[in-house]
Amino acid sequence: MSTADEIANRGPTVEDLRKLRIQLKNVHEEVQQNLSPMDKAALWITKHVGSLSFFIVIAVWTGLWLGWNFLAPAKYQFDPPMGFVFWLFLSNVMQILLMPLIMVGQNVIGAHSEARSEHDLEVNIKAEQEIEVILHKLEHQQQILIAMLQKMGGVLPADDEVDGAPAS
């Protein structure tokens, strides 16, 4: 077999892989563009309800509400102490409304995460293909160098040194 035939049968080159390469996409932008207005609202609520600022607002609101109804004169109390029925009612309504919205937001975030994971897998597969080509080229170069050393009458390294481990 001639040298030209050997070169032709070596497998794909890096340039061949570059020609087959698909332009990478920005998964984050794609997901953001495909969100419905309801999904965007659910994401906004999920992001803000899950923040320390929201916790502080709720804690202050609760403290003021309970403090006022404990410490204010009886004629100014609007939610009698120890029952706090109105406060419990408002808290429950807020929880009932926020819980499904947060779950929708988490589902959207999960779908976004899944899209990023799939994109990462595609990138890793492409990188693996390119690395295989490079390794194949390095093996071929190693064979050429060994053949050149043999023709020149040079000293060949032991087999285990060729594989990267020093001879013992």
N, C-alpha and C. Protein backbone atom coordinates (compact mmCIF):
# COMPACT_ATOMS: atom_id res chain seq x y z
N MET A 1 0.85 -1.16 0.00
CA MET A 1 0.00 0.00 0.00
C MET A 1 0.90 1.23 0.00
N SER A 2 0.57 2.21 -0.81
CA SER A 2 1.40 3.41 -0.91
C SER A 2 1.09 4.37 0.23
N THR A 3 1.95 5.37 0.40
CA THR A 3 1.76 6.37 1.45
C THR A 3 0.46 7.13 1.24
N ALA A 4 0.12 7.44 0.01
CA ALA A 4 -1.12 8.17 -0.29
C ALA A 4 -2.34 7.33 0.13
N ASP A 5 -2.27 6.01 -0.12
CA ASP A 5 -3.36 5.13 0.29
C ASP A 5 -3.49 5.07 1.82
N GLU A 6 -2.33 5.04 2.50
CA GLU A 6 -2.36 5.01 3.96
C GLU A 6 -3.01 6.28 4.51
N ILE A 7 -2.65 7.41 3.92
CA ILE A 7 -3.20 8.69 4.38
C ILE A 7 -4.71 8.71 4.14
N ALA A 8 -5.14 8.18 3.00
CA ALA A 8 -6.57 8.19 2.67
C ALA A 8 -7.37 7.29 3.60
N ASN A 9 -6.74 6.21 4.12
CA ASN A 9 -7.46 5.24 4.96
C ASN A 9 -7.31 5.51 6.46
N ARG A 10 -6.77 6.64 6.84
CA ARG A 10 -6.52 6.92 8.24
C ARG A 10 -7.76 7.35 9.00
N GLY A 11 -8.83 7.66 8.36
CA GLY A 11 -10.03 8.10 9.05
C GLY A 11 -10.24 9.59 8.86
N PRO A 12 -11.28 10.11 9.49
CA PRO A 12 -11.60 11.52 9.29
C PRO A 12 -10.52 12.43 9.89
N THR A 13 -10.30 13.53 9.23
CA THR A 13 -9.36 14.52 9.74
C THR A 13 -10.13 15.51 10.61
N VAL A 14 -9.38 16.34 11.31
CA VAL A 14 -10.01 17.37 12.10
C VAL A 14 -10.78 18.32 11.19
N GLU A 15 -10.23 18.57 10.01
CA GLU A 15 -10.92 19.44 9.05
C GLU A 15 -12.24 18.81 8.60
N ASP A 16 -12.26 17.49 8.42
CA ASP A 16 -13.51 16.81 8.08
C ASP A 16 -14.56 17.02 9.18
N LEU A 17 -14.12 16.92 10.43
CA LEU A 17 -15.05 17.12 11.54
C LEU A 17 -15.52 18.57 11.60
N ARG A 18 -14.65 19.51 11.27
CA ARG A 18 -15.05 20.92 11.26
C ARG A 18 -16.14 21.17 10.22
N LYS A 19 -16.04 20.49 9.08
CA LYS A 19 -17.05 20.65 8.04
C LYS A 19 -18.40 20.09 8.50
N LEU A 20 -18.38 19.04 9.32
CA LEU A 20 -19.61 18.42 9.81
C LEU A 20 -20.16 19.12 11.06
N ARG A 21 -19.36 19.99 11.64
CA ARG A 21 -19.74 20.64 12.89
C ARG A 21 -20.99 21.49 12.70
N ILE A 22 -21.91 21.30 13.61
CA ILE A 22 -23.14 22.07 13.63
C ILE A 22 -22.89 23.28 14.53
N GLN A 23 -23.38 24.43 14.10
CA GLN A 23 -23.21 25.64 14.90
C GLN A 23 -23.88 25.46 16.25
N LEU A 24 -23.15 25.75 17.31
CA LEU A 24 -23.71 25.62 18.65
C LEU A 24 -24.76 26.69 18.86
N LYS A 25 -25.76 26.32 19.64
CA LYS A 25 -26.86 27.24 19.89
C LYS A 25 -26.82 27.72 21.33
N ASN A 26 -27.44 28.85 21.56
CA ASN A 26 -27.56 29.37 22.91
C ASN A 26 -28.88 28.84 23.48
N VAL A 27 -28.78 27.79 24.26
CA VAL A 27 -29.96 27.11 24.79
C VAL A 27 -30.77 28.04 25.69
N HIS A 28 -30.08 28.86 26.46
CA HIS A 28 -30.77 29.79 27.37
C HIS A 28 -31.68 30.73 26.58
N GLU A 29 -31.17 31.31 25.50
CA GLU A 29 -31.99 32.22 24.69
C GLU A 29 -33.17 31.49 24.05
N GLU A 30 -32.93 30.28 23.55
CA GLU A 30 -34.02 29.51 22.93
C GLU A 30 -35.14 29.23 23.93
N VAL A 31 -34.77 28.81 25.13
CA VAL A 31 -35.78 28.51 26.14
C VAL A 31 -36.52 29.78 26.53
N GLN A 32 -35.80 30.88 26.70
CA GLN A 32 -36.43 32.15 27.07
C GLN A 32 -37.42 32.62 26.01
N GLN A 33 -37.08 32.42 24.73
CA GLN A 33 -37.96 32.86 23.65
C GLN A 33 -39.22 32.01 23.56
N ASN A 34 -39.15 30.76 24.00
CA ASN A 34 -40.29 29.86 23.89
C ASN A 34 -41.21 29.88 25.11
N LEU A 35 -40.91 30.73 26.08
CA LEU A 35 -41.74 30.79 27.27
C LEU A 35 -43.02 31.58 27.00
N SER A 36 -44.12 31.06 27.50
CA SER A 36 -45.39 31.79 27.39
C SER A 36 -45.42 32.89 28.45
N PRO A 37 -46.30 33.86 28.31
CA PRO A 37 -46.42 34.90 29.34
C PRO A 37 -46.73 34.32 30.73
N MET A 38 -47.53 33.26 30.77
CA MET A 38 -47.84 32.63 32.06
C MET A 38 -46.59 31.98 32.67
N ASP A 39 -45.78 31.34 31.82
CA ASP A 39 -44.53 30.75 32.31
C ASP A 39 -43.60 31.83 32.85
N LYS A 40 -43.52 32.95 32.15
CA LYS A 40 -42.67 34.06 32.61
C LYS A 40 -43.16 34.59 33.95
N ALA A 41 -44.48 34.71 34.10
CA ALA A 41 -45.03 35.17 35.38
C ALA A 41 -44.72 34.18 36.49
N ALA A 42 -44.88 32.90 36.20
CA ALA A 42 -44.59 31.87 37.22
C ALA A 42 -43.11 31.90 37.60
N LEU A 43 -42.23 32.09 36.62
CA LEU A 43 -40.79 32.19 36.91
C LEU A 43 -40.49 33.41 37.77
N TRP A 44 -41.13 34.52 37.44
CA TRP A 44 -40.89 35.75 38.20
C TRP A 44 -41.33 35.54 39.65
N ILE A 45 -42.49 34.96 39.83
CA ILE A 45 -43.00 34.73 41.19
C ILE A 45 -42.11 33.74 41.93
N THR A 46 -41.72 32.66 41.27
CA THR A 46 -40.85 31.67 41.89
C THR A 46 -39.53 32.31 42.32
N LYS A 47 -38.98 33.14 41.45
CA LYS A 47 -37.70 33.79 41.76
C LYS A 47 -37.83 34.74 42.94
N HIS A 48 -38.90 35.51 42.98
CA HIS A 48 -39.03 36.51 44.03
C HIS A 48 -39.55 35.94 45.35
N VAL A 49 -40.43 34.96 45.29
CA VAL A 49 -40.94 34.36 46.52
C VAL A 49 -39.84 33.55 47.19
N GLY A 50 -38.94 33.01 46.42
CA GLY A 50 -37.84 32.23 46.98
C GLY A 50 -36.65 33.07 47.39
N SER A 51 -36.85 34.35 47.64
CA SER A 51 -35.74 35.23 47.99
C SER A 51 -35.79 35.62 49.46
N LEU A 52 -34.67 36.06 49.97
CA LEU A 52 -34.61 36.52 51.35
C LEU A 52 -35.44 37.78 51.53
N SER A 53 -35.53 38.60 50.51
CA SER A 53 -36.34 39.83 50.59
C SER A 53 -37.80 39.49 50.88
N PHE A 54 -38.31 38.49 50.19
CA PHE A 54 -39.71 38.09 50.42
C PHE A 54 -39.90 37.57 51.84
N PHE A 55 -38.94 36.79 52.32
CA PHE A 55 -39.00 36.28 53.69
C PHE A 55 -39.04 37.43 54.69
N ILE A 56 -38.20 38.43 54.46
CA ILE A 56 -38.15 39.58 55.37
C ILE A 56 -39.47 40.35 55.34
N VAL A 57 -40.03 40.54 54.14
CA VAL A 57 -41.32 41.23 54.03
C VAL A 57 -42.40 40.47 54.81
N ILE A 58 -42.46 39.15 54.64
CA ILE A 58 -43.46 38.34 55.34
C ILE A 58 -43.23 38.37 56.85
N ALA A 59 -41.96 38.29 57.27
CA ALA A 59 -41.66 38.32 58.70
C ALA A 59 -42.04 39.66 59.31
N VAL A 60 -41.72 40.76 58.62
CA VAL A 60 -42.08 42.09 59.13
C VAL A 60 -43.60 42.25 59.16
N TRP A 61 -44.27 41.84 58.08
CA TRP A 61 -45.73 41.93 58.01
C TRP A 61 -46.37 41.15 59.18
N THR A 62 -45.88 39.94 59.40
CA THR A 62 -46.42 39.11 60.49
C THR A 62 -46.14 39.76 61.84
N GLY A 63 -44.91 40.25 62.02
CA GLY A 63 -44.57 40.90 63.29
C GLY A 63 -45.41 42.12 63.56
N LEU A 64 -45.60 42.95 62.53
CA LEU A 64 -46.44 44.15 62.70
C LEU A 64 -47.89 43.78 62.99
N TRP A 65 -48.39 42.82 62.22
CA TRP A 65 -49.79 42.41 62.39
C TRP A 65 -50.03 41.88 63.81
N LEU A 66 -49.20 40.94 64.22
CA LEU A 66 -49.38 40.34 65.54
C LEU A 66 -49.08 41.35 66.64
N GLY A 67 -48.03 42.14 66.45
CA GLY A 67 -47.68 43.15 67.45
C GLY A 67 -48.81 44.16 67.64
N TRP A 68 -49.37 44.65 66.54
CA TRP A 68 -50.46 45.62 66.63
C TRP A 68 -51.65 45.02 67.38
N ASN A 69 -52.01 43.81 67.01
CA ASN A 69 -53.20 43.20 67.61
C ASN A 69 -52.98 42.75 69.05
N PHE A 70 -51.73 42.59 69.47
CA PHE A 70 -51.44 42.29 70.87
C PHE A 70 -51.35 43.56 71.71
N LEU A 71 -50.70 44.57 71.17
CA LEU A 71 -50.34 45.73 71.98
C LEU A 71 -51.28 46.93 71.84
N ALA A 72 -52.04 46.99 70.77
CA ALA A 72 -52.93 48.15 70.57
C ALA A 72 -54.11 48.05 71.53
N PRO A 73 -54.71 49.21 71.86
CA PRO A 73 -55.92 49.16 72.69
C PRO A 73 -57.00 48.33 71.99
N ALA A 74 -57.85 47.74 72.75
CA ALA A 74 -58.85 46.80 72.23
C ALA A 74 -59.71 47.40 71.13
N LYS A 75 -60.04 48.69 71.23
CA LYS A 75 -60.91 49.28 70.21
C LYS A 75 -60.20 49.44 68.86
N TYR A 76 -58.83 49.37 68.83
CA TYR A 76 -58.09 49.50 67.57
C TYR A 76 -57.63 48.14 67.01
N GLN A 77 -57.85 47.10 67.73
CA GLN A 77 -57.47 45.77 67.24
C GLN A 77 -58.49 45.33 66.20
N PHE A 78 -58.00 44.87 65.05
CA PHE A 78 -58.90 44.42 63.99
C PHE A 78 -58.90 42.90 63.84
N ASP A 79 -57.98 42.22 64.53
CA ASP A 79 -57.90 40.76 64.50
C ASP A 79 -57.61 40.31 65.93
N PRO A 80 -58.63 39.85 66.67
CA PRO A 80 -58.45 39.60 68.11
C PRO A 80 -57.30 38.63 68.41
N PRO A 81 -56.52 38.95 69.45
CA PRO A 81 -55.39 38.08 69.82
C PRO A 81 -55.85 36.67 70.15
N MET A 82 -54.92 35.78 70.02
CA MET A 82 -55.05 34.34 70.27
C MET A 82 -55.88 33.62 69.21
N GLY A 83 -56.67 34.30 68.47
CA GLY A 83 -57.40 33.69 67.36
C GLY A 83 -56.73 34.04 66.05
N PHE A 84 -56.50 35.31 65.87
CA PHE A 84 -55.89 35.84 64.65
C PHE A 84 -56.50 35.20 63.41
N VAL A 85 -57.80 35.12 63.37
CA VAL A 85 -58.52 34.44 62.29
C VAL A 85 -58.25 35.10 60.94
N PHE A 86 -58.31 36.42 60.90
CA PHE A 86 -58.11 37.12 59.63
C PHE A 86 -56.67 36.93 59.12
N TRP A 87 -55.72 37.00 60.06
CA TRP A 87 -54.32 36.78 59.68
C TRP A 87 -54.11 35.37 59.13
N LEU A 88 -54.68 34.38 59.79
CA LEU A 88 -54.58 32.99 59.32
C LEU A 88 -55.25 32.82 57.96
N PHE A 89 -56.40 33.45 57.79
CA PHE A 89 -57.11 33.38 56.51
C PHE A 89 -56.25 33.96 55.38
N LEU A 90 -55.70 35.16 55.58
CA LEU A 90 -54.86 35.77 54.54
C LEU A 90 -53.60 34.94 54.26
N SER A 91 -53.00 34.43 55.31
CA SER A 91 -51.80 33.59 55.13
C SER A 91 -52.13 32.33 54.33
N ASN A 92 -53.25 31.70 54.63
CA ASN A 92 -53.65 30.49 53.92
C ASN A 92 -53.98 30.78 52.45
N VAL A 93 -54.67 31.88 52.20
CA VAL A 93 -54.98 32.25 50.82
C VAL A 93 -53.69 32.48 50.03
N MET A 94 -52.74 33.19 50.65
CA MET A 94 -51.47 33.45 49.98
C MET A 94 -50.75 32.12 49.69
N GLN A 95 -50.74 31.21 50.63
CA GLN A 95 -50.09 29.91 50.43
C GLN A 95 -50.78 29.12 49.33
N ILE A 96 -52.09 29.11 49.34
CA ILE A 96 -52.84 28.36 48.33
C ILE A 96 -52.58 28.90 46.94
N LEU A 97 -52.46 30.22 46.81
CA LEU A 97 -52.21 30.82 45.50
C LEU A 97 -50.75 30.67 45.06
N LEU A 98 -49.83 30.78 45.99
CA LEU A 98 -48.41 30.74 45.63
C LEU A 98 -47.91 29.33 45.35
N MET A 99 -48.43 28.34 46.06
CA MET A 99 -47.92 26.98 45.90
C MET A 99 -47.98 26.47 44.46
N PRO A 100 -49.11 26.53 43.78
CA PRO A 100 -49.13 26.05 42.40
C PRO A 100 -48.26 26.90 41.46
N LEU A 101 -48.22 28.21 41.70
CA LEU A 101 -47.38 29.06 40.86
C LEU A 101 -45.90 28.72 41.02
N ILE A 102 -45.48 28.45 42.24
CA ILE A 102 -44.09 28.06 42.47
C ILE A 102 -43.80 26.73 41.81
N MET A 103 -44.73 25.80 41.88
CA MET A 103 -44.53 24.49 41.23
C MET A 103 -44.42 24.64 39.72
N VAL A 104 -45.25 25.49 39.13
CA VAL A 104 -45.15 25.74 37.68
C VAL A 104 -43.79 26.34 37.36
N GLY A 105 -43.35 27.31 38.16
CA GLY A 105 -42.04 27.92 37.94
C GLY A 105 -40.92 26.90 38.05
N GLN A 106 -41.02 25.99 39.02
CA GLN A 106 -40.00 24.96 39.17
C GLN A 106 -40.01 23.99 37.98
N ASN A 107 -41.19 23.70 37.44
CA ASN A 107 -41.26 22.85 36.24
C ASN A 107 -40.58 23.53 35.05
N VAL A 108 -40.80 24.82 34.89
CA VAL A 108 -40.16 25.56 33.79
C VAL A 108 -38.65 25.58 33.99
N ILE A 109 -38.21 25.82 35.21
CA ILE A 109 -36.78 25.81 35.51
C ILE A 109 -36.19 24.42 35.24
N GLY A 110 -36.93 23.36 35.59
CA GLY A 110 -36.47 21.99 35.32
C GLY A 110 -36.35 21.70 33.84
N ALA A 111 -37.30 22.18 33.04
CA ALA A 111 -37.23 22.00 31.59
C ALA A 111 -36.03 22.74 31.01
N HIS A 112 -35.77 23.93 31.54
CA HIS A 112 -34.61 24.71 31.10
C HIS A 112 -33.32 23.97 31.43
N SER A 113 -33.26 23.42 32.62
CA SER A 113 -32.09 22.65 33.05
C SER A 113 -31.89 21.42 32.16
N GLU A 114 -32.98 20.76 31.82
CA GLU A 114 -32.90 19.57 30.95
C GLU A 114 -32.38 19.95 29.56
N ALA A 115 -32.83 21.09 29.04
CA ALA A 115 -32.35 21.54 27.72
C ALA A 115 -30.85 21.83 27.78
N ARG A 116 -30.40 22.45 28.86
CA ARG A 116 -28.96 22.72 29.01
C ARG A 116 -28.17 21.43 29.10
N SER A 117 -28.71 20.44 29.81
CA SER A 117 -28.03 19.15 29.96
C SER A 117 -27.90 18.45 28.61
N GLU A 118 -28.97 18.47 27.82
CA GLU A 118 -28.91 17.85 26.50
C GLU A 118 -27.89 18.55 25.61
N HIS A 119 -27.83 19.87 25.70
CA HIS A 119 -26.85 20.63 24.92
C HIS A 119 -25.42 20.28 25.37
N ASP A 120 -25.21 20.17 26.68
CA ASP A 120 -23.90 19.79 27.19
C ASP A 120 -23.50 18.41 26.68
N LEU A 121 -24.46 17.49 26.61
CA LEU A 121 -24.18 16.16 26.08
C LEU A 121 -23.74 16.23 24.63
N GLU A 122 -24.44 17.04 23.83
CA GLU A 122 -24.06 17.20 22.42
C GLU A 122 -22.63 17.73 22.29
N VAL A 123 -22.31 18.74 23.09
CA VAL A 123 -20.96 19.32 23.05
C VAL A 123 -19.93 18.27 23.46
N ASN A 124 -20.22 17.50 24.50
CA ASN A 124 -19.28 16.47 24.96
C ASN A 124 -19.08 15.38 23.91
N ILE A 125 -20.14 15.00 23.21
CA ILE A 125 -20.01 13.98 22.17
C ILE A 125 -19.14 14.50 21.03
N LYS A 126 -19.35 15.76 20.64
CA LYS A 126 -18.51 16.35 19.59
C LYS A 126 -17.05 16.41 20.03
N ALA A 127 -16.82 16.81 21.27
CA ALA A 127 -15.45 16.89 21.78
C ALA A 127 -14.81 15.51 21.79
N GLU A 128 -15.58 14.50 22.16
CA GLU A 128 -15.04 13.13 22.18
C GLU A 128 -14.65 12.68 20.77
N GLN A 129 -15.47 13.00 19.78
CA GLN A 129 -15.14 12.64 18.40
C GLN A 129 -13.85 13.31 17.95
N GLU A 130 -13.70 14.59 18.27
CA GLU A 130 -12.50 15.30 17.88
C GLU A 130 -11.27 14.76 18.61
N ILE A 131 -11.43 14.41 19.87
CA ILE A 131 -10.32 13.84 20.63
C ILE A 131 -9.91 12.50 20.04
N GLU A 132 -10.88 11.69 19.62
CA GLU A 132 -10.55 10.40 18.99
C GLU A 132 -9.74 10.60 17.72
N VAL A 133 -10.11 11.59 16.92
CA VAL A 133 -9.35 11.88 15.70
C VAL A 133 -7.93 12.30 16.05
N ILE A 134 -7.80 13.15 17.04
CA ILE A 134 -6.47 13.62 17.44
C ILE A 134 -5.64 12.46 17.97
N LEU A 135 -6.24 11.59 18.78
CA LEU A 135 -5.51 10.42 19.28
C LEU A 135 -5.08 9.50 18.13
N HIS A 136 -5.97 9.34 17.17
CA HIS A 136 -5.63 8.51 16.01
C HIS A 136 -4.44 9.11 15.27
N LYS A 137 -4.43 10.44 15.10
CA LYS A 137 -3.32 11.11 14.43
C LYS A 137 -2.04 10.95 15.23
N LEU A 138 -2.11 11.06 16.54
CA LEU A 138 -0.92 10.90 17.37
C LEU A 138 -0.36 9.48 17.29
N GLU A 139 -1.25 8.49 17.28
CA GLU A 139 -0.80 7.11 17.13
C GLU A 139 -0.10 6.91 15.79
N HIS A 140 -0.68 7.50 14.76
CA HIS A 140 -0.08 7.39 13.43
C HIS A 140 1.29 8.08 13.40
N GLN A 141 1.40 9.25 14.02
CA GLN A 141 2.69 9.94 14.07
C GLN A 141 3.71 9.12 14.84
N GLN A 142 3.27 8.48 15.91
CA GLN A 142 4.17 7.64 16.69
C GLN A 142 4.69 6.48 15.84
N GLN A 143 3.81 5.87 15.06
CA GLN A 143 4.24 4.77 14.17
C GLN A 143 5.24 5.28 13.14
N ILE A 144 5.02 6.45 12.59
CA ILE A 144 5.94 7.02 11.61
C ILE A 144 7.30 7.29 12.26
N LEU A 145 7.29 7.86 13.46
CA LEU A 145 8.56 8.14 14.15
C LEU A 145 9.32 6.85 14.45
N ILE A 146 8.62 5.81 14.87
CA ILE A 146 9.29 4.53 15.14
C ILE A 146 9.88 3.96 13.86
N ALA A 147 9.12 4.05 12.76
CA ALA A 147 9.63 3.57 11.49
C ALA A 147 10.86 4.37 11.06
N MET A 148 10.84 5.67 11.27
CA MET A 148 12.00 6.50 10.91
C MET A 148 13.21 6.13 11.75
N LEU A 149 13.01 5.90 13.05
CA LEU A 149 14.12 5.50 13.92
C LEU A 149 14.69 4.15 13.49
N GLN A 150 13.81 3.22 13.11
CA GLN A 150 14.29 1.92 12.66
C GLN A 150 15.11 2.04 11.39
N LYS A 151 14.69 2.87 10.44
CA LYS A 151 15.42 3.06 9.20
C LYS A 151 16.76 3.74 9.44
N MET A 152 16.81 4.64 10.42
CA MET A 152 18.05 5.37 10.71
C MET A 152 18.97 4.55 11.61
N GLY A 153 18.50 3.41 12.09
CA GLY A 153 19.32 2.56 12.93
C GLY A 153 19.40 3.07 14.36
N GLY A 154 18.46 3.89 14.74
CA GLY A 154 18.45 4.46 16.08
C GLY A 154 17.98 3.44 17.10
N VAL A 155 18.16 3.77 18.33
CA VAL A 155 17.75 2.90 19.42
C VAL A 155 16.25 3.12 19.65
N LEU A 156 15.52 2.03 19.64
CA LEU A 156 14.08 2.11 19.87
C LEU A 156 13.80 1.96 21.37
N PRO A 157 12.87 2.70 21.87
CA PRO A 157 12.50 2.52 23.28
C PRO A 157 11.79 1.19 23.46
N ALA A 158 11.81 0.70 24.68
CA ALA A 158 11.10 -0.54 24.98
C ALA A 158 9.61 -0.30 24.79
N ASP A 159 8.85 -1.41 24.57
CA ASP A 159 7.42 -1.30 24.31
C ASP A 159 6.67 -0.56 25.40
N ASP A 160 7.05 -0.80 26.66
CA ASP A 160 6.31 -0.12 27.72
C ASP A 160 6.65 1.37 27.79
N GLU A 161 7.81 1.79 27.29
CA GLU A 161 8.13 3.22 27.21
C GLU A 161 7.34 3.89 26.09
N VAL A 162 7.08 3.15 25.04
CA VAL A 162 6.31 3.71 23.92
C VAL A 162 4.89 4.04 24.37
N ASP A 163 4.35 3.23 25.27
CA ASP A 163 2.99 3.46 25.75
C ASP A 163 2.90 4.53 26.81
N GLY A 164 4.05 5.12 27.18
CA GLY A 164 4.02 6.23 28.12
C GLY A 164 4.55 5.88 29.49
N ALA A 165 4.79 4.60 29.78
CA ALA A 165 5.32 4.21 31.09
C ALA A 165 6.81 3.98 30.96
N PRO A 166 7.61 4.44 31.89
CA PRO A 166 9.06 4.23 31.80
C PRO A 166 9.41 2.75 32.00
N ALA A 167 10.48 2.33 31.34
CA ALA A 167 10.92 0.94 31.47
C ALA A 167 11.52 0.74 32.85
N SER A 168 11.31 -0.47 33.40
CA SER A 168 11.85 -0.72 34.74
C SER A 168 13.17 -1.44 34.65
